[in-house]
PDB file of N, CA and C in Angstrom:
ATOM      1  N   MET A   1       0.833  -1.174   0.000  1.00  0.00           N
ATOM      2  CA  MET A   1       0.000   0.000   0.000  1.00  0.00           C
ATOM      3  C   MET A   1       0.880   1.240   0.000  1.00  0.00           C
ATOM      4  N   ASN A   2       0.828   2.001  -1.026  1.00  0.00           N
ATOM      5  CA  ASN A   2       1.621   3.214  -1.088  1.00  0.00           C
ATOM      6  C   ASN A   2       0.670   4.394  -1.177  1.00  0.00           C
ATOM      7  N   ASN A   3       0.447   5.050  -0.061  1.00  0.00           N
ATOM      8  CA  ASN A   3      -0.441   6.199  -0.033  1.00  0.00           C
ATOM      9  C   ASN A   3       0.036   7.199   0.999  1.00  0.00           C
ATOM     10  N   ARG A   4      -0.610   8.324   1.071  1.00  0.00           N
ATOM     11  CA  ARG A   4      -0.169   9.388   1.966  1.00  0.00           C
ATOM     12  C   ARG A   4      -0.357   9.045   3.438  1.00  0.00           C
ATOM     13  N   TYR A   5      -1.153   8.057   3.759  1.00  0.00           N
ATOM     14  CA  TYR A   5      -1.375   7.642   5.138  1.00  0.00           C
ATOM     15  C   TYR A   5      -0.329   6.646   5.641  1.00  0.00           C
ATOM     16  N   HIS A   6       0.396   6.034   4.735  1.00  0.00           N
ATOM     17  CA  HIS A   6       1.314   4.957   5.103  1.00  0.00           C
ATOM     18  C   HIS A   6       2.545   5.492   5.825  1.00  0.00           C
ATOM     19  N   CYS A   7       2.506   5.423   7.141  1.00  0.00           N
ATOM     20  CA  CYS A   7       3.653   5.776   7.975  1.00  0.00           C
ATOM     21  C   CYS A   7       3.433   5.155   9.355  1.00  0.00           C
ATOM     22  N   CYS A   8       4.466   5.058  10.123  1.00  0.00           N
ATOM     23  CA  CYS A   8       4.375   4.408  11.433  1.00  0.00           C
ATOM     24  C   CYS A   8       3.332   5.049  12.347  1.00  0.00           C
ATOM     25  N   ALA A   9       3.195   6.358  12.313  1.00  0.00           N
ATOM     26  CA  ALA A   9       2.269   7.051  13.213  1.00  0.00           C
ATOM     27  C   ALA A   9       0.815   6.639  12.998  1.00  0.00           C
ATOM     28  N   THR A  10       0.489   6.088  11.841  1.00  0.00           N
ATOM     29  CA  THR A  10      -0.885   5.678  11.558  1.00  0.00           C
ATOM     30  C   THR A  10      -1.098   4.175  11.729  1.00  0.00           C
ATOM     31  N   CYS A  11      -0.079   3.472  12.201  1.00  0.00           N
ATOM     32  CA  CYS A  11      -0.143   2.017  12.376  1.00  0.00           C
ATOM     33  C   CYS A  11      -0.684   1.647  13.757  1.00  0.00           C
ATOM     34  N   LYS A  12      -1.383   0.533  13.838  1.00  0.00           N
ATOM     35  CA  LYS A  12      -1.939   0.040  15.102  1.00  0.00           C
ATOM     36  C   LYS A  12      -0.870  -0.245  16.148  1.00  0.00           C
ATOM     37  N   HIS A  13       0.331  -0.530  15.717  1.00  0.00           N
ATOM     38  CA  HIS A  13       1.394  -0.956  16.622  1.00  0.00           C
ATOM     39  C   HIS A  13       2.302   0.177  17.090  1.00  0.00           C
ATOM     40  N   PHE A  14       2.072   1.387  16.607  1.00  0.00           N
ATOM     41  CA  PHE A  14       2.899   2.544  16.956  1.00  0.00           C
ATOM     42  C   PHE A  14       2.602   2.977  18.389  1.00  0.00           C
ATOM     43  N   ARG A  15       3.656   3.149  19.176  1.00  0.00           N
ATOM     44  CA  ARG A  15       3.499   3.534  20.583  1.00  0.00           C
ATOM     45  C   ARG A  15       4.495   4.622  20.964  1.00  0.00           C
ATOM     46  N   ILE A  16       4.075   5.461  21.908  1.00  0.00           N
ATOM     47  CA  ILE A  16       4.965   6.438  22.524  1.00  0.00           C
ATOM     48  C   ILE A  16       4.851   6.250  24.027  1.00  0.00           C
ATOM     49  N   ASP A  17       5.955   5.926  24.664  1.00  0.00           N
ATOM     50  CA  ASP A  17       6.000   5.814  26.122  1.00  0.00           C
ATOM     51  C   ASP A  17       6.701   7.044  26.666  1.00  0.00           C
ATOM     52  N   ARG A  18       6.054   7.708  27.622  1.00  0.00           N
ATOM     53  CA  ARG A  18       6.662   8.862  28.278  1.00  0.00           C
ATOM     54  C   ARG A  18       7.087   8.452  29.680  1.00  0.00           C
ATOM     55  N   PHE A  19       8.265   8.906  30.070  1.00  0.00           N
ATOM     56  CA  PHE A  19       8.821   8.529  31.357  1.00  0.00           C
ATOM     57  C   PHE A  19       8.845   9.725  32.307  1.00  0.00           C
ATOM     58  N   GLU A  20       8.946   9.439  33.585  1.00  0.00           N
ATOM     59  CA  GLU A  20       8.912  10.484  34.607  1.00  0.00           C
ATOM     60  C   GLU A  20      10.027  11.510  34.455  1.00  0.00           C
ATOM     61  N   ASP A  21      11.147  11.107  33.902  1.00  0.00           N
ATOM     62  CA  ASP A  21      12.264  12.045  33.740  1.00  0.00           C
ATOM     63  C   ASP A  21      12.094  12.964  32.527  1.00  0.00           C
ATOM     64  N   GLY A  22      10.955  12.844  31.829  1.00  0.00           N
ATOM     65  CA  GLY A  22      10.666  13.690  30.676  1.00  0.00           C
ATOM     66  C   GLY A  22      11.075  13.095  29.344  1.00  0.00           C
ATOM     67  N   SER A  23      11.782  11.988  29.377  1.00  0.00           N
ATOM     68  CA  SER A  23      12.182  11.348  28.127  1.00  0.00           C
ATOM     69  C   SER A  23      11.013  10.534  27.576  1.00  0.00           C
ATOM     70  N   ARG A  24      11.173  10.093  26.356  1.00  0.00           N
ATOM     71  CA  ARG A  24      10.137   9.263  25.747  1.00  0.00           C
ATOM     72  C   ARG A  24      10.769   8.263  24.793  1.00  0.00           C
ATOM     73  N   ARG A  25      10.017   7.209  24.544  1.00  0.00           N
ATOM     74  CA  ARG A  25      10.446   6.175  23.596  1.00  0.00           C
ATOM     75  C   ARG A  25       9.352   6.029  22.553  1.00  0.00           C
ATOM     76  N   VAL A  26       9.723   6.152  21.287  1.00  0.00           N
ATOM     77  CA  VAL A  26       8.807   5.983  20.162  1.00  0.00           C
ATOM     78  C   VAL A  26       9.197   4.675  19.501  1.00  0.00           C
ATOM     79  N   TYR A  27       8.238   3.726  19.425  1.00  0.00           N
ATOM     80  CA  TYR A  27       8.603   2.394  18.944  1.00  0.00           C
ATOM     81  C   TYR A  27       7.400   1.643  18.358  1.00  0.00           C
ATOM     82  N   CYS A  28       7.713   0.518  17.725  1.00  0.00           N
ATOM     83  CA  CYS A  28       6.709  -0.405  17.204  1.00  0.00           C
ATOM     84  C   CYS A  28       6.490  -1.482  18.260  1.00  0.00           C
ATOM     85  N   LYS A  29       5.291  -1.575  18.765  1.00  0.00           N
ATOM     86  CA  LYS A  29       4.997  -2.569  19.803  1.00  0.00           C
ATOM     87  C   LYS A  29       5.139  -3.995  19.262  1.00  0.00           C
ATOM     88  N   ARG A  30       4.755  -4.209  18.017  1.00  0.00           N
ATOM     89  CA  ARG A  30       4.818  -5.542  17.429  1.00  0.00           C
ATOM     90  C   ARG A  30       6.256  -6.008  17.240  1.00  0.00           C
ATOM     91  N   LEU A  31       7.094  -5.142  16.693  1.00  0.00           N
ATOM     92  CA  LEU A  31       8.478  -5.501  16.396  1.00  0.00           C
ATOM     93  C   LEU A  31       9.430  -5.224  17.554  1.00  0.00           C
ATOM     94  N   GLY A  32       9.080  -4.252  18.397  1.00  0.00           N
ATOM     95  CA  GLY A  32       9.928  -3.895  19.517  1.00  0.00           C
ATOM     96  C   GLY A  32      11.064  -2.944  19.163  1.00  0.00           C
ATOM     97  N   PHE A  33      11.085  -2.446  17.929  1.00  0.00           N
ATOM     98  CA  PHE A  33      12.141  -1.546  17.484  1.00  0.00           C
ATOM     99  C   PHE A  33      11.745  -0.092  17.655  1.00  0.00           C
ATOM    100  N   ASP A  34      12.726   0.762  17.946  1.00  0.00           N
ATOM    101  CA  ASP A  34      12.486   2.196  17.941  1.00  0.00           C
ATOM    102  C   ASP A  34      12.191   2.626  16.511  1.00  0.00           C
ATOM    103  N   THR A  35      11.355   3.633  16.365  1.00  0.00           N
ATOM    104  CA  THR A  35      10.975   4.126  15.049  1.00  0.00           C
ATOM    105  C   THR A  35      10.716   5.615  15.142  1.00  0.00           C
ATOM    106  N   LYS A  36      10.302   6.197  14.066  1.00  0.00           N
ATOM    107  CA  LYS A  36       9.884   7.600  14.031  1.00  0.00           C
ATOM    108  C   LYS A  36       8.527   7.643  13.346  1.00  0.00           C
ATOM    109  N   PRO A  37       7.710   8.658  13.657  1.00  0.00           N
ATOM    110  CA  PRO A  37       6.361   8.720  13.086  1.00  0.00           C
ATOM    111  C   PRO A  37       6.315   8.687  11.561  1.00  0.00           C
ATOM    112  N   THR A  38       7.338   9.209  10.900  1.00  0.00           N
ATOM    113  CA  THR A  38       7.316   9.285   9.436  1.00  0.00           C
ATOM    114  C   THR A  38       7.907   8.072   8.731  1.00  0.00           C
ATOM    115  N   TYR A  39       8.491   7.154   9.469  1.00  0.00           N
ATOM    116  CA  TYR A  39       9.068   5.962   8.847  1.00  0.00           C
ATOM    117  C   TYR A  39       7.969   5.120   8.194  1.00  0.00           C
ATOM    118  N   GLN A  40       8.358   4.322   7.202  1.00  0.00           N
ATOM    119  CA  GLN A  40       7.437   3.424   6.510  1.00  0.00           C
ATOM    120  C   GLN A  40       8.038   2.029   6.430  1.00  0.00           C
ATOM    121  N   PHE A  41       7.209   1.031   6.725  1.00  0.00           N
ATOM    122  CA  PHE A  41       7.634  -0.361   6.628  1.00  0.00           C
ATOM    123  C   PHE A  41       6.538  -1.171   5.941  1.00  0.00           C
ATOM    124  N   ASN A  42       6.884  -2.309   5.377  1.00  0.00           N
ATOM    125  CA  ASN A  42       5.921  -3.155   4.668  1.00  0.00           C
ATOM    126  C   ASN A  42       4.928  -3.838   5.600  1.00  0.00           C
ATOM    127  N   CYS A  43       5.229  -3.873   6.889  1.00  0.00           N
ATOM    128  CA  CYS A  43       4.341  -4.551   7.840  1.00  0.00           C
ATOM    129  C   CYS A  43       3.224  -3.632   8.344  1.00  0.00           C
ATOM    130  N   TRP A  44       3.083  -2.469   7.758  1.00  0.00           N
ATOM    131  CA  TRP A  44       2.112  -1.456   8.174  1.00  0.00           C
ATOM    132  C   TRP A  44       0.709  -2.026   8.283  1.00  0.00           C
ATOM    133  N   ASP A  45       0.065  -1.807   9.418  1.00  0.00           N
ATOM    134  CA  ASP A  45      -1.304  -2.239   9.681  1.00  0.00           C
ATOM    135  C   ASP A  45      -2.058  -1.011  10.198  1.00  0.00           C
ATOM    136  N   PRO A  46      -2.807  -0.306   9.320  1.00  0.00           N
ATOM    137  CA  PRO A  46      -3.391   0.976   9.703  1.00  0.00           C
ATOM    138  C   PRO A  46      -4.437   0.879  10.813  1.00  0.00           C
ATOM    139  N   LYS A  47      -4.508   1.949  11.595  1.00  0.00           N
ATOM    140  CA  LYS A  47      -5.531   2.062  12.633  1.00  0.00           C
ATOM    141  C   LYS A  47      -6.896   2.145  11.972  1.00  0.00           C
ATOM    142  N   ASP A  48      -7.941   1.780  12.704  1.00  0.00           N
ATOM    143  CA  ASP A  48      -9.297   1.773  12.150  1.00  0.00           C
ATOM    144  C   ASP A  48      -9.704   3.136  11.594  1.00  0.00           C
ATOM    145  N   ARG A  49      -9.354   4.206  12.303  1.00  0.00           N
ATOM    146  CA  ARG A  49      -9.736   5.539  11.822  1.00  0.00           C
ATOM    147  C   ARG A  49      -9.024   5.889  10.519  1.00  0.00           C
ATOM    148  N   VAL A  50      -7.836   5.336  10.302  1.00  0.00           N
ATOM    149  CA  VAL A  50      -7.092   5.579   9.071  1.00  0.00           C
ATOM    150  C   VAL A  50      -7.722   4.803   7.918  1.00  0.00           C
ATOM    151  N   VAL A  51      -8.142   3.577   8.180  1.00  0.00           N
ATOM    152  CA  VAL A  51      -8.831   2.780   7.160  1.00  0.00           C
ATOM    153  C   VAL A  51     -10.106   3.505   6.725  1.00  0.00           C
ATOM    154  N   LYS A  52     -10.839   4.026   7.692  1.00  0.00           N
ATOM    155  CA  LYS A  52     -12.074   4.767   7.394  1.00  0.00           C
ATOM    156  C   LYS A  52     -11.770   6.000   6.541  1.00  0.00           C
ATOM    157  N   ALA A  53     -10.739   6.749   6.905  1.00  0.00           N
ATOM    158  CA  ALA A  53     -10.362   7.947   6.150  1.00  0.00           C
ATOM    159  C   ALA A  53      -9.943   7.590   4.728  1.00  0.00           C
ATOM    160  N   MET A  54      -9.218   6.480   4.562  1.00  0.00           N
ATOM    161  CA  MET A  54      -8.798   6.074   3.218  1.00  0.00           C
ATOM    162  C   MET A  54     -10.001   5.695   2.366  1.00  0.00           C
ATOM    163  N   LYS A  55     -10.971   5.000   2.971  1.00  0.00           N
ATOM    164  CA  LYS A  55     -12.184   4.619   2.234  1.00  0.00           C
ATOM    165  C   LYS A  55     -12.977   5.843   1.821  1.00  0.00           C
ATOM    166  N   GLU A  56     -13.111   6.808   2.730  1.00  0.00           N
ATOM    167  CA  GLU A  56     -13.862   8.033   2.423  1.00  0.00           C
ATOM    168  C   GLU A  56     -13.176   8.832   1.323  1.00  0.00           C
ATOM    169  N   GLU A  57     -11.863   8.857   1.357  1.00  0.00           N
ATOM    170  CA  GLU A  57     -11.103   9.586   0.346  1.00  0.00           C
ATOM    171  C   GLU A  57     -11.223   8.931  -1.031  1.00  0.00           C
ATOM    172  N   LYS A  58     -11.318   7.605  -1.026  1.00  0.00           N
ATOM    173  CA  LYS A  58     -11.421   6.859  -2.285  1.00  0.00           C
ATOM    174  C   LYS A  58     -12.753   7.093  -2.977  1.00  0.00           C
ATOM    175  N   GLU A  59     -13.786   7.314  -2.186  1.00  0.00           N
ATOM    176  CA  GLU A  59     -15.139   7.506  -2.739  1.00  0.00           C
ATOM    177  C   GLU A  59     -15.348   8.853  -3.356  1.00  0.00           C
TER     178      GLU A  59
END
């Protein structure tokens, strides 16, 4: 899927953990790797709201 929505930030597995010291970890929960919101991978699984937006845009 190559579209404007395809990025880690729109994936079901994208997570941001914030820690008490003010730091944060941005990562893929499924893979366990650190990532950035704009990265793209073939394992992308869009969030439900993103699927809905893509369908509405297609119509």
